[in-house]
Structure formats: C-alpha cells, structure tokens
N, C-alpha and C. Protein backbone atom coordinates (compact mmCIF):
# COMPACT_ATOMS: atom_id res chain seq x y z
N UNK A 1 -54.23 -34.42 -48.71
CA UNK A 1 -55.14 -34.71 -47.62
C UNK A 1 -55.90 -36.46 -48.05
N UNK A 2 -55.92 -37.26 -47.15
CA UNK A 2 -56.53 -38.47 -47.71
C UNK A 2 -57.97 -38.99 -46.40
N UNK A 3 -58.64 -39.41 -46.57
CA UNK A 3 -59.58 -39.90 -45.90
C UNK A 3 -59.10 -41.34 -45.42
N UNK A 4 -59.15 -41.14 -44.16
CA UNK A 4 -58.42 -42.90 -43.40
C UNK A 4 -60.04 -43.41 -42.38
N UNK A 5 -60.30 -44.38 -43.12
CA UNK A 5 -61.54 -45.05 -42.13
C UNK A 5 -61.12 -46.14 -41.48
N UNK A 6 -61.60 -46.05 -40.08
CA UNK A 6 -61.38 -46.95 -39.40
C UNK A 6 -62.68 -48.21 -39.14
N UNK A 7 -62.54 -49.67 -39.04
CA UNK A 7 -64.00 -50.11 -38.91
C UNK A 7 -63.64 -51.33 -37.55
N UNK A 8 -64.70 -51.94 -37.30
CA UNK A 8 -64.76 -52.80 -36.02
C UNK A 8 -63.81 -52.31 -34.95
N UNK A 9 -63.05 -53.12 -34.44
CA UNK A 9 -62.25 -52.91 -33.24
C UNK A 9 -61.57 -51.72 -33.39
N UNK A 10 -60.61 -51.71 -34.65
CA UNK A 10 -59.73 -50.41 -35.23
C UNK A 10 -60.43 -49.49 -34.65
N UNK A 11 -61.56 -49.08 -35.11
CA UNK A 11 -62.53 -47.85 -34.85
C UNK A 11 -62.81 -48.07 -33.33
N UNK A 12 -63.32 -48.82 -32.46
CA UNK A 12 -63.56 -48.78 -31.16
C UNK A 12 -61.89 -48.20 -30.65
N UNK A 13 -60.76 -49.00 -31.26
CA UNK A 13 -59.64 -48.27 -30.12
C UNK A 13 -59.28 -46.74 -30.46
N UNK A 14 -59.54 -46.58 -31.52
CA UNK A 14 -58.99 -44.90 -32.06
C UNK A 14 -60.30 -44.03 -32.12
N UNK A 15 -61.41 -44.65 -31.66
CA UNK A 15 -62.66 -43.74 -31.23
C UNK A 15 -63.37 -42.95 -32.16
N UNK A 16 -62.54 -42.96 -33.39
CA UNK A 16 -63.31 -42.34 -34.77
C UNK A 16 -63.51 -43.45 -35.92
N UNK A 17 -64.50 -43.41 -36.45
CA UNK A 17 -65.11 -43.76 -37.80
C UNK A 17 -64.04 -43.38 -38.77
N UNK A 18 -63.83 -42.01 -38.90
CA UNK A 18 -63.12 -41.41 -40.20
C UNK A 18 -62.45 -40.18 -39.71
N UNK A 19 -61.39 -40.12 -40.57
CA UNK A 19 -60.83 -38.78 -40.57
C UNK A 19 -60.13 -38.39 -41.58
N UNK A 20 -59.85 -36.83 -41.28
CA UNK A 20 -59.24 -36.64 -43.46
C UNK A 20 -57.57 -36.42 -42.41
N UNK A 21 -56.62 -36.88 -43.37
CA UNK A 21 -54.95 -36.92 -42.57
C UNK A 21 -54.15 -35.60 -43.46
N UNK A 22 -53.71 -35.12 -43.22
CA UNK A 22 -52.78 -34.65 -44.05
C UNK A 22 -51.29 -35.26 -43.99
N UNK A 23 -50.63 -36.00 -44.66
CA UNK A 23 -49.47 -36.95 -44.55
C UNK A 23 -48.70 -36.23 -46.11
N UNK A 24 -47.64 -36.82 -45.71
CA UNK A 24 -46.45 -36.93 -46.63
C UNK A 24 -45.84 -38.60 -46.69
N UNK A 25 -47.13 -39.06 -46.18
CA UNK A 25 -46.23 -40.83 -46.23
C UNK A 25 -46.08 -41.57 -47.44
N UNK A 26 -45.45 -41.95 -48.04
CA UNK A 26 -45.25 -42.87 -49.32
C UNK A 26 -46.25 -43.76 -49.58
N UNK A 27 -45.95 -44.69 -48.35
CA UNK A 27 -46.80 -46.10 -48.31
C UNK A 27 -47.58 -46.02 -47.20
N UNK A 28 -48.49 -46.94 -47.55
CA UNK A 28 -49.33 -47.31 -46.09
C UNK A 28 -48.89 -47.49 -44.99
N UNK A 29 -47.73 -48.18 -44.99
CA UNK A 29 -46.53 -48.74 -43.80
C UNK A 29 -46.54 -46.82 -43.16
N UNK A 30 -45.92 -46.20 -43.96
CA UNK A 30 -45.34 -44.83 -43.68
C UNK A 30 -46.93 -44.19 -42.93
N UNK A 31 -47.93 -43.96 -43.22
CA UNK A 31 -49.03 -43.54 -42.72
C UNK A 31 -49.39 -44.14 -41.28
N UNK A 32 -48.86 -45.65 -41.28
CA UNK A 32 -49.37 -46.15 -39.87
C UNK A 32 -48.22 -45.68 -38.85
N UNK A 33 -46.97 -45.53 -39.81
CA UNK A 33 -45.91 -45.02 -38.54
C UNK A 33 -46.41 -43.16 -38.34
N UNK A 34 -46.95 -42.61 -39.21
CA UNK A 34 -47.37 -41.26 -38.44
C UNK A 34 -48.41 -41.28 -37.47
N UNK A 35 -49.28 -42.31 -38.00
CA UNK A 35 -50.94 -42.44 -37.13
C UNK A 35 -49.94 -42.62 -35.64
N UNK A 36 -49.52 -43.80 -35.69
CA UNK A 36 -48.80 -44.19 -34.24
C UNK A 36 -48.04 -43.47 -33.19
N UNK A 37 -47.46 -42.32 -34.29
CA UNK A 37 -46.73 -41.46 -33.48
C UNK A 37 -47.47 -40.46 -32.82
N UNK A 38 -48.61 -40.46 -33.52
CA UNK A 38 -49.88 -39.49 -32.75
C UNK A 38 -50.27 -39.32 -31.06
N UNK A 39 -50.68 -40.53 -31.06
CA UNK A 39 -51.18 -40.90 -29.68
C UNK A 39 -51.24 -42.23 -29.28
N UNK A 40 -51.29 -42.85 -28.05
CA UNK A 40 -51.55 -44.09 -27.53
C UNK A 40 -52.54 -45.22 -28.23
N UNK A 41 -53.91 -44.18 -28.47
CA UNK A 41 -54.90 -44.96 -28.80
C UNK A 41 -54.49 -45.16 -30.14
N UNK A 42 -53.52 -44.78 -31.33
CA UNK A 42 -53.26 -44.76 -32.26
C UNK A 42 -52.20 -46.43 -32.40
N UNK A 43 -51.44 -46.14 -31.31
CA UNK A 43 -50.45 -47.09 -31.23
C UNK A 43 -51.06 -48.68 -30.29
N UNK A 44 -52.36 -48.59 -30.01
CA UNK A 44 -52.70 -49.57 -29.58
C UNK A 44 -53.63 -50.28 -30.53
N UNK A 45 -54.24 -49.53 -31.67
CA UNK A 45 -54.83 -49.69 -32.90
C UNK A 45 -53.71 -50.52 -33.84
N UNK A 46 -52.62 -49.65 -33.61
CA UNK A 46 -51.84 -50.60 -34.64
C UNK A 46 -50.99 -51.36 -34.37
N UNK A 47 -51.10 -51.93 -32.87
CA UNK A 47 -49.85 -52.47 -32.66
C UNK A 47 -49.54 -53.75 -32.69
N UNK A 48 -50.31 -54.59 -33.48
CA UNK A 48 -50.39 -55.73 -34.42
C UNK A 48 -50.77 -55.64 -35.92
N UNK A 49 -49.85 -55.31 -37.19
CA UNK A 49 -50.32 -54.80 -37.99
C UNK A 49 -51.17 -56.31 -38.77
N UNK A 50 -50.44 -57.76 -38.44
CA UNK A 50 -50.74 -58.76 -39.08
C UNK A 50 -52.33 -59.23 -38.80
N UNK A 51 -52.77 -58.20 -37.37
CA UNK A 51 -54.20 -58.28 -37.40
C UNK A 51 -55.26 -57.21 -38.07
N UNK A 52 -54.53 -56.57 -39.31
CA UNK A 52 -55.04 -55.70 -39.34
C UNK A 52 -55.18 -55.50 -41.38
N UNK A 53 -56.47 -55.30 -41.80
CA UNK A 53 -56.14 -55.30 -43.33
C UNK A 53 -56.31 -53.71 -43.96
N UNK A 54 -55.84 -53.88 -45.14
CA UNK A 54 -55.99 -52.30 -45.79
C UNK A 54 -56.33 -52.31 -46.84
N UNK A 55 -57.38 -51.44 -47.41
CA UNK A 55 -57.86 -50.89 -48.40
C UNK A 55 -57.59 -49.51 -48.97
N UNK A 56 -57.32 -49.49 -50.03
CA UNK A 56 -57.11 -48.30 -50.95
C UNK A 56 -58.21 -48.00 -52.02
N UNK A 57 -58.54 -47.21 -51.63
CA UNK A 57 -60.06 -46.55 -52.83
C UNK A 57 -60.68 -47.59 -52.88
N UNK A 58 -61.16 -48.43 -51.75
CA UNK A 58 -62.02 -49.79 -51.79
C UNK A 58 -61.53 -51.02 -52.13
N UNK A 59 -60.05 -51.38 -52.69
CA UNK A 59 -59.18 -52.49 -53.21
C UNK A 59 -58.20 -52.37 -52.06
N UNK A 60 -58.50 -53.70 -51.61
CA UNK A 60 -57.16 -54.56 -50.76
C UNK A 60 -55.70 -54.13 -51.07
N UNK A 61 -55.54 -53.88 -50.54
CA UNK A 61 -53.59 -53.26 -50.71
C UNK A 61 -52.99 -54.16 -49.48
N UNK A 62 -51.53 -54.09 -49.54
CA UNK A 62 -50.35 -54.39 -48.72
C UNK A 62 -50.12 -53.15 -48.00
N UNK A 63 -49.97 -53.68 -46.81
CA UNK A 63 -48.97 -52.19 -46.11
C UNK A 63 -47.85 -51.61 -46.70
N UNK A 64 -47.10 -52.41 -47.71
CA UNK A 64 -45.96 -51.81 -48.23
C UNK A 64 -46.29 -50.87 -49.96
N UNK A 65 -47.81 -50.66 -50.18
CA UNK A 65 -48.39 -49.90 -51.27
C UNK A 65 -48.45 -48.67 -51.27
N UNK A 66 -48.15 -48.39 -52.49
CA UNK A 66 -47.94 -46.53 -52.34
C UNK A 66 -49.36 -45.93 -52.23
N UNK A 67 -49.09 -44.86 -51.73
CA UNK A 67 -50.49 -43.94 -51.19
C UNK A 67 -50.77 -42.93 -52.73
N UNK A 68 -49.93 -42.53 -53.41
CA UNK A 68 -49.81 -41.92 -54.40
C UNK A 68 -51.02 -41.77 -54.99
N UNK A 69 -52.14 -41.12 -55.07
CA UNK A 69 -53.28 -41.07 -55.94
C UNK A 69 -54.47 -41.57 -55.30
N UNK A 70 -54.04 -42.42 -54.08
CA UNK A 70 -55.32 -42.75 -53.15
C UNK A 70 -55.99 -41.48 -52.54
N UNK A 71 -57.64 -41.94 -52.48
CA UNK A 71 -58.01 -40.87 -52.29
C UNK A 71 -58.84 -41.52 -50.65
N UNK A 72 -58.33 -42.76 -50.52
CA UNK A 72 -59.48 -43.18 -49.23
C UNK A 72 -58.33 -44.33 -48.51
N UNK A 73 -57.88 -44.31 -47.55
CA UNK A 73 -57.33 -45.56 -46.80
C UNK A 73 -58.27 -46.26 -45.62
N UNK A 74 -58.58 -47.84 -45.76
CA UNK A 74 -59.71 -47.98 -44.90
C UNK A 74 -58.83 -49.19 -43.97
N UNK A 75 -59.18 -48.94 -42.91
CA UNK A 75 -58.20 -50.18 -42.17
C UNK A 75 -59.20 -50.96 -41.13
N UNK A 76 -59.51 -52.20 -40.98
CA UNK A 76 -60.55 -53.36 -40.79
C UNK A 76 -59.76 -54.54 -40.31
N UNK A 77 -60.38 -55.30 -39.30
CA UNK A 77 -59.73 -56.58 -39.44
C UNK A 77 -59.86 -57.70 -40.41
N UNK A 78 -59.26 -58.57 -40.05
CA UNK A 78 -59.41 -59.75 -41.26
C UNK A 78 -61.08 -60.10 -41.29
N UNK A 79 -61.75 -60.43 -42.68
CA UNK A 79 -62.83 -60.75 -42.05
C UNK A 79 -62.92 -62.57 -42.24
N UNK A 80 -64.13 -62.95 -41.72
CA UNK A 80 -64.24 -64.13 -41.49
C UNK A 80 -65.47 -64.89 -42.17
N UNK A 81 -65.54 -65.82 -43.01
CA UNK A 81 -66.54 -66.49 -43.46
C UNK A 81 -67.27 -66.82 -42.58
N UNK A 82 -68.58 -67.48 -43.14
CA UNK A 82 -69.04 -68.69 -42.19
C UNK A 82 -70.65 -69.05 -43.09
C-alpha cells in the first residue's frame, strides 16, 4: 500500500486530496498508468504528464523513479516563483 496525494488542479480533477493505493507498480509511470486505467477522472488528471510534478516521500522525483520502499507519492502542478 502506498499513500497517493493530489494537490491543486490535480486534486480538483480527481476529486480526492489523497488515497491509499494497493499497487504492484515498479515506477511512478507504472502507477500513473494504473490510475489512468481506473476512471475517466484519473485519465483527465494525468492526460499531460509534462504538466505534473511528482515527489516520493517529499523528495522531487521523475516519472521513471522506482516506487520500491516509497511510502508516499504526491502529484502537483509545477510551482511558479514570484
């Protein structure tokens, strides 16, 4: 089981701030593919992976990062400074 957190418009499209997911995904990309296959709302949220950033256990990561040992995955839009 892994905790999956959604922030900003990702959360709005999926309709949940977080959920616990049982997965056999090896990488973040594999997890995204599993989520997208669930329902249209996940497909919409992850339609453009380039518009989403990911963190594993609060450390920025890439979509090809392994999930082994991770307790938490967070998806969020890129941050803008100002």
